[in-house]
Amino acid sequence: MDDATGNARLDPAIAELLKRDRHGLVAAVVQQHDTLEVLMVGWMDDEALRRTLTEGRVTFWSRSREEYWRKGDTSGHAQWVKTVRLDCDGDALLVSVDQEGGACHTGDHTCFDARLLPAAVGTRE
């Protein structure tokens, strides 16, 4: 959908469902589509989500660099979109992808490979 200046914008029906943080961002959890492994978490604004929904590759908003970045453009480790879901509160996205290469900027397969925290294991009574 285009705005009055002819620029593409996020579908208003989708935009109104989003609950953004004070910076206009929504958390995006990225998951491998076939194994369901959680790969990483990034941030999207309306434009990053529009690009993700329309281009078939995942785009994020970099909070540190204050610019858009499409996963894989510099690393070659692209994320090919399979599905995008919005949670019940509208404040988080679940992006199912086919991950090419490592998802983490460190080169690890996921951003959750390296730091396992000691936690008490609960059991259901």
PDB file of N, CA and C in Angstrom:
ATOM      1  N   MET A   1       0.850  -1.167   0.000  1.00  0.00           N
ATOM      2  CA  MET A   1       0.000   0.000   0.000  1.00  0.00           C
ATOM      3  C   MET A   1       0.901   1.237   0.000  1.00  0.00           C
ATOM      4  N   ASP A   2       0.513   2.282  -0.719  1.00  0.00           N
ATOM      5  CA  ASP A   2       1.314   3.492  -0.828  1.00  0.00           C
ATOM      6  C   ASP A   2       0.674   4.633  -0.048  1.00  0.00           C
ATOM      7  N   ASP A   3       1.522   5.561   0.424  1.00  0.00           N
ATOM      8  CA  ASP A   3       1.002   6.747   1.094  1.00  0.00           C
ATOM      9  C   ASP A   3       0.762   7.850   0.060  1.00  0.00           C
ATOM     10  N   ALA A   4       0.431   9.046   0.512  1.00  0.00           N
ATOM     11  CA  ALA A   4       0.096  10.146  -0.391  1.00  0.00           C
ATOM     12  C   ALA A   4       1.261  10.558  -1.287  1.00  0.00           C
ATOM     13  N   THR A   5       2.480  10.268  -0.889  1.00  0.00           N
ATOM     14  CA  THR A   5       3.644  10.630  -1.702  1.00  0.00           C
ATOM     15  C   THR A   5       4.062   9.509  -2.648  1.00  0.00           C
ATOM     16  N   GLY A   6       3.318   8.398  -2.632  1.00  0.00           N
ATOM     17  CA  GLY A   6       3.642   7.279  -3.508  1.00  0.00           C
ATOM     18  C   GLY A   6       4.617   6.280  -2.911  1.00  0.00           C
ATOM     19  N   ASN A   7       5.029   6.508  -1.655  1.00  0.00           N
ATOM     20  CA  ASN A   7       5.942   5.579  -1.001  1.00  0.00           C
ATOM     21  C   ASN A   7       5.163   4.413  -0.406  1.00  0.00           C
ATOM     22  N   ALA A   8       5.738   3.224  -0.486  1.00  0.00           N
ATOM     23  CA  ALA A   8       5.091   2.055   0.085  1.00  0.00           C
ATOM     24  C   ALA A   8       5.067   2.179   1.600  1.00  0.00           C
ATOM     25  N   ARG A   9       3.997   1.691   2.217  1.00  0.00           N
ATOM     26  CA  ARG A   9       3.895   1.695   3.669  1.00  0.00           C
ATOM     27  C   ARG A   9       3.185   0.431   4.124  1.00  0.00           C
ATOM     28  N   LEU A  10       3.321   0.140   5.396  1.00  0.00           N
ATOM     29  CA  LEU A  10       2.696  -1.036   5.979  1.00  0.00           C
ATOM     30  C   LEU A  10       1.182  -0.911   5.882  1.00  0.00           C
ATOM     31  N   ASP A  11       0.531  -1.997   5.551  1.00  0.00           N
ATOM     32  CA  ASP A  11      -0.929  -2.033   5.481  1.00  0.00           C
ATOM     33  C   ASP A  11      -1.497  -1.485   6.795  1.00  0.00           C
ATOM     34  N   PRO A  12      -2.366  -0.477   6.739  1.00  0.00           N
ATOM     35  CA  PRO A  12      -2.921   0.110   7.967  1.00  0.00           C
ATOM     36  C   PRO A  12      -3.650  -0.900   8.853  1.00  0.00           C
ATOM     37  N   ALA A  13      -4.249  -1.916   8.264  1.00  0.00           N
ATOM     38  CA  ALA A  13      -4.942  -2.938   9.056  1.00  0.00           C
ATOM     39  C   ALA A  13      -3.945  -3.716   9.912  1.00  0.00           C
ATOM     40  N   ILE A  14      -2.735  -3.914   9.405  1.00  0.00           N
ATOM     41  CA  ILE A  14      -1.690  -4.565  10.192  1.00  0.00           C
ATOM     42  C   ILE A  14      -1.099  -3.582  11.188  1.00  0.00           C
ATOM     43  N   ALA A  15      -0.818  -2.364  10.741  1.00  0.00           N
ATOM     44  CA  ALA A  15      -0.205  -1.347  11.600  1.00  0.00           C
ATOM     45  C   ALA A  15      -1.030  -1.083  12.850  1.00  0.00           C
ATOM     46  N   GLU A  16      -2.344  -1.092  12.731  1.00  0.00           N
ATOM     47  CA  GLU A  16      -3.187  -0.792  13.895  1.00  0.00           C
ATOM     48  C   GLU A  16      -3.183  -1.923  14.929  1.00  0.00           C
ATOM     49  N   LEU A  17      -2.743  -3.104  14.557  1.00  0.00           N
ATOM     50  CA  LEU A  17      -2.658  -4.227  15.493  1.00  0.00           C
ATOM     51  C   LEU A  17      -1.401  -4.195  16.352  1.00  0.00           C
ATOM     52  N   LEU A  18      -0.401  -3.415  15.933  1.00  0.00           N
ATOM     53  CA  LEU A  18       0.896  -3.408  16.609  1.00  0.00           C
ATOM     54  C   LEU A  18       0.887  -2.540  17.860  1.00  0.00           C
ATOM     55  N   LYS A  19       1.496  -3.038  18.917  1.00  0.00           N
ATOM     56  CA  LYS A  19       1.742  -2.258  20.130  1.00  0.00           C
ATOM     57  C   LYS A  19       3.248  -2.051  20.192  1.00  0.00           C
ATOM     58  N   ARG A  20       3.689  -0.881  19.782  1.00  0.00           N
ATOM     59  CA  ARG A  20       5.106  -0.567  19.695  1.00  0.00           C
ATOM     60  C   ARG A  20       5.637  -0.040  21.021  1.00  0.00           C
ATOM     61  N   ASP A  21       6.943  -0.183  21.225  1.00  0.00           N
ATOM     62  CA  ASP A  21       7.556   0.418  22.404  1.00  0.00           C
ATOM     63  C   ASP A  21       7.692   1.925  22.178  1.00  0.00           C
ATOM     64  N   ARG A  22       8.314   2.627  23.099  1.00  0.00           N
ATOM     65  CA  ARG A  22       8.398   4.098  22.994  1.00  0.00           C
ATOM     66  C   ARG A  22       9.251   4.558  21.822  1.00  0.00           C
ATOM     67  N   HIS A  23       9.993   3.637  21.207  1.00  0.00           N
ATOM     68  CA  HIS A  23      10.806   3.962  20.034  1.00  0.00           C
ATOM     69  C   HIS A  23      10.122   3.542  18.738  1.00  0.00           C
ATOM     70  N   GLY A  24       8.891   3.053  18.845  1.00  0.00           N
ATOM     71  CA  GLY A  24       8.140   2.623  17.666  1.00  0.00           C
ATOM     72  C   GLY A  24       8.503   1.235  17.187  1.00  0.00           C
ATOM     73  N   LEU A  25       9.083   0.413  18.066  1.00  0.00           N
ATOM     74  CA  LEU A  25       9.585  -0.901  17.681  1.00  0.00           C
ATOM     75  C   LEU A  25       8.788  -2.040  18.301  1.00  0.00           C
ATOM     76  N   VAL A  26       8.830  -3.177  17.615  1.00  0.00           N
ATOM     77  CA  VAL A  26       8.218  -4.414  18.081  1.00  0.00           C
ATOM     78  C   VAL A  26       9.300  -5.489  18.047  1.00  0.00           C
ATOM     79  N   ALA A  27       9.374  -6.320  19.091  1.00  0.00           N
ATOM     80  CA  ALA A  27      10.337  -7.419  19.126  1.00  0.00           C
ATOM     81  C   ALA A  27       9.951  -8.464  18.088  1.00  0.00           C
ATOM     82  N   ALA A  28      10.964  -8.999  17.407  1.00  0.00           N
ATOM     83  CA  ALA A  28      10.743 -10.041  16.403  1.00  0.00           C
ATOM     84  C   ALA A  28      11.598 -11.259  16.763  1.00  0.00           C
ATOM     85  N   VAL A  29      10.941 -12.326  17.177  1.00  0.00           N
ATOM     86  CA  VAL A  29      11.607 -13.580  17.487  1.00  0.00           C
ATOM     87  C   VAL A  29      11.700 -14.371  16.183  1.00  0.00           C
ATOM     88  N   VAL A  30      12.912 -14.803  15.841  1.00  0.00           N
ATOM     89  CA  VAL A  30      13.123 -15.522  14.589  1.00  0.00           C
ATOM     90  C   VAL A  30      13.367 -16.992  14.897  1.00  0.00           C
ATOM     91  N   GLN A  31      12.618 -17.856  14.193  1.00  0.00           N
ATOM     92  CA  GLN A  31      12.616 -19.288  14.460  1.00  0.00           C
ATOM     93  C   GLN A  31      12.825 -20.056  13.154  1.00  0.00           C
ATOM     94  N   GLN A  32      13.637 -21.104  13.195  1.00  0.00           N
ATOM     95  CA  GLN A  32      13.819 -21.978  12.038  1.00  0.00           C
ATOM     96  C   GLN A  32      12.501 -22.705  11.765  1.00  0.00           C
ATOM     97  N   HIS A  33      12.019 -22.644  10.537  1.00  0.00           N
ATOM     98  CA  HIS A  33      10.679 -23.140  10.217  1.00  0.00           C
ATOM     99  C   HIS A  33      10.501 -24.641  10.404  1.00  0.00           C
ATOM    100  N   ASP A  34      11.516 -25.453  10.173  1.00  0.00           N
ATOM    101  CA  ASP A  34      11.326 -26.897  10.230  1.00  0.00           C
ATOM    102  C   ASP A  34      11.697 -27.517  11.581  1.00  0.00           C
ATOM    103  N   THR A  35      12.678 -26.954  12.276  1.00  0.00           N
ATOM    104  CA  THR A  35      13.086 -27.506  13.575  1.00  0.00           C
ATOM    105  C   THR A  35      12.453 -26.771  14.750  1.00  0.00           C
ATOM    106  N   LEU A  36      11.903 -25.588  14.488  1.00  0.00           N
ATOM    107  CA  LEU A  36      11.303 -24.700  15.494  1.00  0.00           C
ATOM    108  C   LEU A  36      12.330 -24.133  16.469  1.00  0.00           C
ATOM    109  N   GLU A  37      13.599 -24.252  16.156  1.00  0.00           N
ATOM    110  CA  GLU A  37      14.674 -23.710  16.991  1.00  0.00           C
ATOM    111  C   GLU A  37      14.636 -22.182  16.948  1.00  0.00           C
ATOM    112  N   VAL A  38      14.715 -21.547  18.120  1.00  0.00           N
ATOM    113  CA  VAL A  38      14.773 -20.093  18.183  1.00  0.00           C
ATOM    114  C   VAL A  38      16.180 -19.660  17.786  1.00  0.00           C
ATOM    115  N   LEU A  39      16.274 -18.801  16.778  1.00  0.00           N
ATOM    116  CA  LEU A  39      17.562 -18.389  16.230  1.00  0.00           C
ATOM    117  C   LEU A  39      18.063 -17.076  16.795  1.00  0.00           C
ATOM    118  N   MET A  40      17.179 -16.104  16.908  1.00  0.00           N
ATOM    119  CA  MET A  40      17.602 -14.774  17.339  1.00  0.00           C
ATOM    120  C   MET A  40      16.386 -13.922  17.645  1.00  0.00           C
ATOM    121  N   VAL A  41      16.655 -12.739  18.182  1.00  0.00           N
ATOM    122  CA  VAL A  41      15.632 -11.725  18.413  1.00  0.00           C
ATOM    123  C   VAL A  41      16.138 -10.425  17.814  1.00  0.00           C
ATOM    124  N   GLY A  42      15.295  -9.749  17.078  1.00  0.00           N
ATOM    125  CA  GLY A  42      15.627  -8.445  16.508  1.00  0.00           C
ATOM    126  C   GLY A  42      14.469  -7.491  16.737  1.00  0.00           C
ATOM    127  N   TRP A  43      14.586  -6.316  16.164  1.00  0.00           N
ATOM    128  CA  TRP A  43      13.568  -5.278  16.339  1.00  0.00           C
ATOM    129  C   TRP A  43      13.081  -4.794  14.987  1.00  0.00           C
ATOM    130  N   MET A  44      11.784  -4.541  14.885  1.00  0.00           N
ATOM    131  CA  MET A  44      11.196  -4.039  13.650  1.00  0.00           C
ATOM    132  C   MET A  44      10.318  -2.839  13.942  1.00  0.00           C
ATOM    133  N   ASP A  45      10.390  -1.866  13.051  1.00  0.00           N
ATOM    134  CA  ASP A  45       9.391  -0.805  13.028  1.00  0.00           C
ATOM    135  C   ASP A  45       8.453  -1.126  11.867  1.00  0.00           C
ATOM    136  N   ASP A  46       7.536  -0.229  11.570  1.00  0.00           N
ATOM    137  CA  ASP A  46       6.568  -0.489  10.504  1.00  0.00           C
ATOM    138  C   ASP A  46       7.250  -0.761   9.163  1.00  0.00           C
ATOM    139  N   GLU A  47       8.279   0.009   8.843  1.00  0.00           N
ATOM    140  CA  GLU A  47       8.956  -0.159   7.560  1.00  0.00           C
ATOM    141  C   GLU A  47       9.708  -1.486   7.480  1.00  0.00           C
ATOM    142  N   ALA A  48      10.381  -1.876   8.542  1.00  0.00           N
ATOM    143  CA  ALA A  48      11.077  -3.166   8.551  1.00  0.00           C
ATOM    144  C   ALA A  48      10.083  -4.313   8.397  1.00  0.00           C
ATOM    145  N   LEU A  49       8.944  -4.211   9.058  1.00  0.00           N
ATOM    146  CA  LEU A  49       7.915  -5.242   8.930  1.00  0.00           C
ATOM    147  C   LEU A  49       7.349  -5.250   7.512  1.00  0.00           C
ATOM    148  N   ARG A  50       7.101  -4.088   6.946  1.00  0.00           N
ATOM    149  CA  ARG A  50       6.588  -4.029   5.570  1.00  0.00           C
ATOM    150  C   ARG A  50       7.554  -4.718   4.618  1.00  0.00           C
ATOM    151  N   ARG A  51       8.838  -4.411   4.741  1.00  0.00           N
ATOM    152  CA  ARG A  51       9.837  -5.037   3.876  1.00  0.00           C
ATOM    153  C   ARG A  51       9.868  -6.545   4.075  1.00  0.00           C
ATOM    154  N   THR A  52       9.799  -6.984   5.324  1.00  0.00           N
ATOM    155  CA  THR A  52       9.816  -8.423   5.626  1.00  0.00           C
ATOM    156  C   THR A  52       8.610  -9.113   4.996  1.00  0.00           C
ATOM    157  N   LEU A  53       7.444  -8.508   5.110  1.00  0.00           N
ATOM    158  CA  LEU A  53       6.219  -9.106   4.583  1.00  0.00           C
ATOM    159  C   LEU A  53       6.169  -9.110   3.056  1.00  0.00           C
ATOM    160  N   THR A  54       6.837  -8.169   2.419  1.00  0.00           N
ATOM    161  CA  THR A  54       6.699  -8.029   0.961  1.00  0.00           C
ATOM    162  C   THR A  54       7.901  -8.508   0.156  1.00  0.00           C
ATOM    163  N   GLU A  55       9.068  -8.669   0.799  1.00  0.00           N
ATOM    164  CA  GLU A  55      10.270  -9.007   0.045  1.00  0.00           C
ATOM    165  C   GLU A  55      10.737 -10.453   0.222  1.00  0.00           C
ATOM    166  N   GLY A  56      10.208 -11.169   1.212  1.00  0.00           N
ATOM    167  CA  GLY A  56      10.606 -12.557   1.403  1.00  0.00           C
ATOM    168  C   GLY A  56      11.925 -12.753   2.134  1.00  0.00           C
ATOM    169  N   ARG A  57      12.529 -11.681   2.589  1.00  0.00           N
ATOM    170  CA  ARG A  57      13.749 -11.708   3.410  1.00  0.00           C
ATOM    171  C   ARG A  57      13.471 -10.870   4.650  1.00  0.00           C
ATOM    172  N   VAL A  58      14.134 -11.224   5.760  1.00  0.00           N
ATOM    173  CA  VAL A  58      13.883 -10.521   7.023  1.00  0.00           C
ATOM    174  C   VAL A  58      14.705  -9.240   7.089  1.00  0.00           C
ATOM    175  N   THR A  59      14.016  -8.144   7.400  1.00  0.00           N
ATOM    176  CA  THR A  59      14.654  -6.841   7.607  1.00  0.00           C
ATOM    177  C   THR A  59      14.392  -6.396   9.035  1.00  0.00           C
ATOM    178  N   PHE A  60      15.415  -5.858   9.675  1.00  0.00           N
ATOM    179  CA  PHE A  60      15.307  -5.352  11.042  1.00  0.00           C
ATOM    180  C   PHE A  60      15.659  -3.869  11.069  1.00  0.00           C
ATOM    181  N   TRP A  61      15.339  -3.240  12.199  1.00  0.00           N
ATOM    182  CA  TRP A  61      15.824  -1.903  12.504  1.00  0.00           C
ATOM    183  C   TRP A  61      16.951  -2.073  13.511  1.00  0.00           C
ATOM    184  N   SER A  62      18.135  -1.569  13.180  1.00  0.00           N
ATOM    185  CA  SER A  62      19.270  -1.649  14.100  1.00  0.00           C
ATOM    186  C   SER A  62      19.199  -0.481  15.070  1.00  0.00           C
ATOM    187  N   ARG A  63      19.021  -0.787  16.336  1.00  0.00           N
ATOM    188  CA  ARG A  63      18.948   0.274  17.344  1.00  0.00           C
ATOM    189  C   ARG A  63      20.307   0.931  17.546  1.00  0.00           C
ATOM    190  N   SER A  64      21.387   0.175  17.423  1.00  0.00           N
ATOM    191  CA  SER A  64      22.722   0.746  17.644  1.00  0.00           C
ATOM    192  C   SER A  64      23.189   1.589  16.454  1.00  0.00           C
ATOM    193  N   ARG A  65      22.908   1.132  15.243  1.00  0.00           N
ATOM    194  CA  ARG A  65      23.352   1.872  14.051  1.00  0.00           C
ATOM    195  C   ARG A  65      22.286   2.835  13.527  1.00  0.00           C
ATOM    196  N   GLU A  66      21.069   2.696  14.052  1.00  0.00           N
ATOM    197  CA  GLU A  66      19.933   3.507  13.619  1.00  0.00           C
ATOM    198  C   GLU A  66      19.757   3.462  12.105  1.00  0.00           C
ATOM    199  N   GLU A  67      19.658   2.220  11.593  1.00  0.00           N
ATOM    200  CA  GLU A  67      19.423   2.015  10.163  1.00  0.00           C
ATOM    201  C   GLU A  67      18.808   0.638   9.954  1.00  0.00           C
ATOM    202  N   TYR A  68      18.201   0.459   8.781  1.00  0.00           N
ATOM    203  CA  TYR A  68      17.648  -0.842   8.428  1.00  0.00           C
ATOM    204  C   TYR A  68      18.777  -1.765   8.022  1.00  0.00           C
ATOM    205  N   TRP A  69      18.606  -3.037   8.322  1.00  0.00           N
ATOM    206  CA  TRP A  69      19.551  -4.042   7.837  1.00  0.00           C
ATOM    207  C   TRP A  69      18.789  -5.318   7.511  1.00  0.00           C
ATOM    208  N   ARG A  70      19.092  -5.827   6.352  1.00  0.00           N
ATOM    209  CA  ARG A  70      18.482  -7.070   5.915  1.00  0.00           C
ATOM    210  C   ARG A  70      19.452  -8.190   6.224  1.00  0.00           C
ATOM    211  N   LYS A  71      18.996  -9.130   7.019  1.00  0.00           N
ATOM    212  CA  LYS A  71      19.840 -10.232   7.469  1.00  0.00           C
ATOM    213  C   LYS A  71      20.454 -10.942   6.266  1.00  0.00           C
ATOM    214  N   GLY A  72      21.786 -11.022   6.253  1.00  0.00           N
ATOM    215  CA  GLY A  72      22.500 -11.741   5.217  1.00  0.00           C
ATOM    216  C   GLY A  72      23.122 -10.888   4.136  1.00  0.00           C
ATOM    217  N   ASP A  73      22.773  -9.602   4.072  1.00  0.00           N
ATOM    218  CA  ASP A  73      23.327  -8.758   3.005  1.00  0.00           C
ATOM    219  C   ASP A  73      24.841  -8.633   3.084  1.00  0.00           C
ATOM    220  N   THR A  74      25.399  -8.592   4.291  1.00  0.00           N
ATOM    221  CA  THR A  74      26.861  -8.517   4.414  1.00  0.00           C
ATOM    222  C   THR A  74      27.478  -9.853   4.790  1.00  0.00           C
ATOM    223  N   SER A  75      26.759 -10.682   5.547  1.00  0.00           N
ATOM    224  CA  SER A  75      27.316 -11.956   6.015  1.00  0.00           C
ATOM    225  C   SER A  75      27.069 -13.113   5.054  1.00  0.00           C
ATOM    226  N   GLY A  76      26.053 -12.978   4.215  1.00  0.00           N
ATOM    227  CA  GLY A  76      25.643 -14.095   3.365  1.00  0.00           C
ATOM    228  C   GLY A  76      24.730 -15.076   4.087  1.00  0.00           C
ATOM    229  N   HIS A  77      24.419 -14.810   5.359  1.00  0.00           N
ATOM    230  CA  HIS A  77      23.586 -15.701   6.173  1.00  0.00           C
ATOM    231  C   HIS A  77      22.143 -15.198   6.165  1.00  0.00           C
ATOM    232  N   ALA A  78      21.495 -15.373   5.043  1.00  0.00           N
ATOM    233  CA  ALA A  78      20.156 -14.823   4.828  1.00  0.00           C
ATOM    234  C   ALA A  78      19.085 -15.587   5.587  1.00  0.00           C
ATOM    235  N   GLN A  79      18.002 -14.880   5.856  1.00  0.00           N
ATOM    236  CA  GLN A  79      16.813 -15.486   6.448  1.00  0.00           C
ATOM    237  C   GLN A  79      15.678 -15.348   5.437  1.00  0.00           C
ATOM    238  N   TRP A  80      15.202 -16.485   4.947  1.00  0.00           N
ATOM    239  CA  TRP A  80      14.141 -16.535   3.952  1.00  0.00           C
ATOM    240  C   TRP A  80      12.815 -16.739   4.673  1.00  0.00           C
ATOM    241  N   VAL A  81      11.904 -15.801   4.549  1.00  0.00           N
ATOM    242  CA  VAL A  81      10.637 -15.800   5.282  1.00  0.00           C
ATOM    243  C   VAL A  81       9.744 -16.961   4.860  1.00  0.00           C
ATOM    244  N   LYS A  82       9.196 -17.647   5.844  1.00  0.00           N
ATOM    245  CA  LYS A  82       8.185 -18.689   5.619  1.00  0.00           C
ATOM    246  C   LYS A  82       6.818 -18.216   6.119  1.00  0.00           C
ATOM    247  N   THR A  83       6.771 -17.720   7.367  1.00  0.00           N
ATOM    248  CA  THR A  83       5.533 -17.147   7.909  1.00  0.00           C
ATOM    249  C   THR A  83       5.894 -16.034   8.885  1.00  0.00           C
ATOM    250  N   VAL A  84       4.940 -15.133   9.109  1.00  0.00           N
ATOM    251  CA  VAL A  84       5.085 -14.093  10.127  1.00  0.00           C
ATOM    252  C   VAL A  84       3.787 -14.072  10.924  1.00  0.00           C
ATOM    253  N   ARG A  85       3.927 -14.178  12.240  1.00  0.00           N
ATOM    254  CA  ARG A  85       2.762 -14.185  13.133  1.00  0.00           C
ATOM    255  C   ARG A  85       2.902 -13.058  14.155  1.00  0.00           C
ATOM    256  N   LEU A  86       1.767 -12.504  14.538  1.00  0.00           N
ATOM    257  CA  LEU A  86       1.706 -11.479  15.573  1.00  0.00           C
ATOM    258  C   LEU A  86       1.117 -12.109  16.823  1.00  0.00           C
ATOM    259  N   ASP A  87       1.734 -11.850  17.983  1.00  0.00           N
ATOM    260  CA  ASP A  87       1.205 -12.443  19.217  1.00  0.00           C
ATOM    261  C   ASP A  87      -0.111 -11.790  19.618  1.00  0.00           C
ATOM    262  N   CYS A  88      -0.765 -12.375  20.609  1.00  0.00           N
ATOM    263  CA  CYS A  88      -2.102 -11.943  21.021  1.00  0.00           C
ATOM    264  C   CYS A  88      -2.146 -10.508  21.534  1.00  0.00           C
ATOM    265  N   ASP A  89      -1.038 -10.015  22.080  1.00  0.00           N
ATOM    266  CA  ASP A  89      -0.999  -8.643  22.591  1.00  0.00           C
ATOM    267  C   ASP A  89      -0.581  -7.636  21.532  1.00  0.00           C
ATOM    268  N   GLY A  90      -0.046  -8.098  20.409  1.00  0.00           N
ATOM    269  CA  GLY A  90       0.395  -7.204  19.350  1.00  0.00           C
ATOM    270  C   GLY A  90       1.758  -6.588  19.584  1.00  0.00           C
ATOM    271  N   ASP A  91       2.492  -7.093  20.595  1.00  0.00           N
ATOM    272  CA  ASP A  91       3.780  -6.469  20.912  1.00  0.00           C
ATOM    273  C   ASP A  91       4.991  -7.330  20.560  1.00  0.00           C
ATOM    274  N   ALA A  92       4.753  -8.451  19.882  1.00  0.00           N
ATOM    275  CA  ALA A  92       5.867  -9.303  19.451  1.00  0.00           C
ATOM    276  C   ALA A  92       5.477 -10.053  18.179  1.00  0.00           C
ATOM    277  N   LEU A  93       6.479 -10.277  17.358  1.00  0.00           N
ATOM    278  CA  LEU A  93       6.306 -11.029  16.120  1.00  0.00           C
ATOM    279  C   LEU A  93       7.064 -12.343  16.221  1.00  0.00           C
ATOM    280  N   LEU A  94       6.552 -13.378  15.587  1.00  0.00           N
ATOM    281  CA  LEU A  94       7.251 -14.643  15.433  1.00  0.00           C
ATOM    282  C   LEU A  94       7.468 -14.827  13.935  1.00  0.00           C
ATOM    283  N   VAL A  95       8.741 -14.785  13.533  1.00  0.00           N
ATOM    284  CA  VAL A  95       9.087 -14.878  12.125  1.00  0.00           C
ATOM    285  C   VAL A  95       9.711 -16.245  11.886  1.00  0.00           C
ATOM    286  N   SER A  96       9.029 -17.063  11.113  1.00  0.00           N
ATOM    287  CA  SER A  96       9.513 -18.393  10.771  1.00  0.00           C
ATOM    288  C   SER A  96      10.312 -18.277   9.480  1.00  0.00           C
ATOM    289  N   VAL A  97      11.539 -18.802   9.492  1.00  0.00           N
ATOM    290  CA  VAL A  97      12.449 -18.608   8.361  1.00  0.00           C
ATOM    291  C   VAL A  97      13.151 -19.902   7.972  1.00  0.00           C
ATOM    292  N   ASP A  98      13.735 -19.870   6.793  1.00  0.00           N
ATOM    293  CA  ASP A  98      14.725 -20.858   6.396  1.00  0.00           C
ATOM    294  C   ASP A  98      16.057 -20.132   6.506  1.00  0.00           C
ATOM    295  N   GLN A  99      16.822 -20.480   7.538  1.00  0.00           N
ATOM    296  CA  GLN A  99      18.089 -19.800   7.842  1.00  0.00           C
ATOM    297  C   GLN A  99      19.200 -20.356   6.966  1.00  0.00           C
ATOM    298  N   GLU A 100      19.921 -19.463   6.319  1.00  0.00           N
ATOM    299  CA  GLU A 100      21.088 -19.827   5.515  1.00  0.00           C
ATOM    300  C   GLU A 100      22.331 -19.430   6.301  1.00  0.00           C
ATOM    301  N   GLY A 101      23.125 -20.407   6.751  1.00  0.00           N
ATOM    302  CA  GLY A 101      24.299 -20.112   7.571  1.00  0.00           C
ATOM    303  C   GLY A 101      23.898 -19.819   9.003  1.00  0.00           C
ATOM    304  N   GLY A 102      24.827 -19.221   9.753  1.00  0.00           N
ATOM    305  CA  GLY A 102      24.571 -18.889  11.152  1.00  0.00           C
ATOM    306  C   GLY A 102      23.651 -17.690  11.290  1.00  0.00           C
ATOM    307  N   ALA A 103      22.820 -17.722  12.311  1.00  0.00           N
ATOM    308  CA  ALA A 103      21.908 -16.605  12.554  1.00  0.00           C
ATOM    309  C   ALA A 103      22.544 -15.516  13.415  1.00  0.00           C
ATOM    310  N   CYS A 104      23.501 -15.890  14.255  1.00  0.00           N
ATOM    311  CA  CYS A 104      24.099 -14.940  15.189  1.00  0.00           C
ATOM    312  C   CYS A 104      25.249 -14.179  14.538  1.00  0.00           C
ATOM    313  N   HIS A 105      25.416 -12.926  14.945  1.00  0.00           N
ATOM    314  CA  HIS A 105      26.524 -12.118  14.411  1.00  0.00           C
ATOM    315  C   HIS A 105      27.891 -12.657  14.824  1.00  0.00           C
ATOM    316  N   THR A 106      27.910 -13.540  15.833  1.00  0.00           N
ATOM    317  CA  THR A 106      29.166 -14.154  16.261  1.00  0.00           C
ATOM    318  C   THR A 106      29.563 -15.317  15.363  1.00  0.00           C
ATOM    319  N   GLY A 107      28.646 -15.749  14.504  1.00  0.00           N
ATOM    320  CA  GLY A 107      28.885 -16.898  13.647  1.00  0.00           C
ATOM    321  C   GLY A 107      28.226 -18.164  14.159  1.00  0.00           C
ATOM    322  N   ASP A 108      27.729 -18.125  15.408  1.00  0.00           N
ATOM    323  CA  ASP A 108      27.025 -19.282  15.961  1.00  0.00           C
ATOM    324  C   ASP A 108      25.736 -19.536  15.183  1.00  0.00           C
ATOM    325  N   HIS A 109      25.285 -20.776  15.244  1.00  0.00           N
ATOM    326  CA  HIS A 109      24.046 -21.145  14.556  1.00  0.00           C
ATOM    327  C   HIS A 109      22.870 -20.317  15.070  1.00  0.00           C
ATOM    328  N   THR A 110      22.763 -20.173  16.387  1.00  0.00           N
ATOM    329  CA  THR A 110      21.730 -19.321  16.978  1.00  0.00           C
ATOM    330  C   THR A 110      22.394 -18.346  17.947  1.00  0.00           C
ATOM    331  N   CYS A 111      21.675 -17.327  18.312  1.00  0.00           N
ATOM    332  CA  CYS A 111      22.172 -16.378  19.311  1.00  0.00           C
ATOM    333  C   CYS A 111      22.061 -16.955  20.721  1.00  0.00           C
ATOM    334  N   PHE A 112      21.490 -18.147  20.839  1.00  0.00           N
ATOM    335  CA  PHE A 112      21.280 -18.770  22.140  1.00  0.00           C
ATOM    336  C   PHE A 112      22.154 -20.001  22.345  1.00  0.00           C
ATOM    337  N   ASP A 113      23.219 -20.161  21.567  1.00  0.00           N
ATOM    338  CA  ASP A 113      24.119 -21.309  21.682  1.00  0.00           C
ATOM    339  C   ASP A 113      25.085 -21.207  22.861  1.00  0.00           C
ATOM    340  N   ALA A 114      25.574 -20.019  23.156  1.00  0.00           N
ATOM    341  CA  ALA A 114      26.762 -19.883  23.997  1.00  0.00           C
ATOM    342  C   ALA A 114      26.509 -19.720  25.495  1.00  0.00           C
ATOM    343  N   ARG A 115      25.405 -19.194  25.900  1.00  0.00           N
ATOM    344  CA  ARG A 115      25.244 -18.811  27.307  1.00  0.00           C
ATOM    345  C   ARG A 115      24.072 -19.523  27.981  1.00  0.00           C
ATOM    346  N   LEU A 116      24.323 -20.727  28.437  1.00  0.00           N
ATOM    347  CA  LEU A 116      23.303 -21.463  29.180  1.00  0.00           C
ATOM    348  C   LEU A 116      23.425 -21.056  30.647  1.00  0.00           C
ATOM    349  N   LEU A 117      22.359 -20.544  31.196  1.00  0.00           N
ATOM    350  CA  LEU A 117      22.352 -20.096  32.583  1.00  0.00           C
ATOM    351  C   LEU A 117      21.939 -21.222  33.507  1.00  0.00           C
ATOM    352  N   PRO A 118      22.504 -21.264  34.724  1.00  0.00           N
ATOM    353  CA  PRO A 118      22.082 -22.288  35.682  1.00  0.00           C
ATOM    354  C   PRO A 118      20.659 -21.953  36.160  1.00  0.00           C
ATOM    355  N   ALA A 119      19.779 -22.905  36.004  1.00  0.00           N
ATOM    356  CA  ALA A 119      18.393 -22.686  36.411  1.00  0.00           C
ATOM    357  C   ALA A 119      17.854 -23.946  37.059  1.00  0.00           C
ATOM    358  N   ALA A 120      17.044 -23.754  38.092  1.00  0.00           N
ATOM    359  CA  ALA A 120      16.373 -24.885  38.720  1.00  0.00           C
ATOM    360  C   ALA A 120      15.396 -25.454  37.705  1.00  0.00           C
ATOM    361  N   VAL A 121      15.379 -26.768  37.595  1.00  0.00           N
ATOM    362  CA  VAL A 121      14.479 -27.425  36.663  1.00  0.00           C
ATOM    363  C   VAL A 121      13.191 -27.752  37.392  1.00  0.00           C
ATOM    364  N   GLY A 122      12.094 -27.247  36.886  1.00  0.00           N
ATOM    365  CA  GLY A 122      10.811 -27.487  37.508  1.00  0.00           C
ATOM    366  C   GLY A 122      10.155 -28.755  36.984  1.00  0.00           C
ATOM    367  N   THR A 123       9.274 -29.295  37.780  1.00  0.00           N
ATOM    368  CA  THR A 123       8.507 -30.455  37.368  1.00  0.00           C
ATOM    369  C   THR A 123       7.028 -30.210  37.660  1.00  0.00           C
ATOM    370  N   ARG A 124       6.207 -30.785  36.828  1.00  0.00           N
ATOM    371  CA  ARG A 124       4.774 -30.669  37.020  1.00  0.00           C
ATOM    372  C   ARG A 124       4.341 -31.720  38.034  1.00  0.00           C
ATOM    373  N   GLU A 125       3.558 -31.322  38.990  1.00  0.00           N
ATOM    374  CA  GLU A 125       3.103 -32.246  40.041  1.00  0.00           C
ATOM    375  C   GLU A 125       2.088 -33.189  39.468  1.00  0.00           C
TER     376      GLU A 125
END
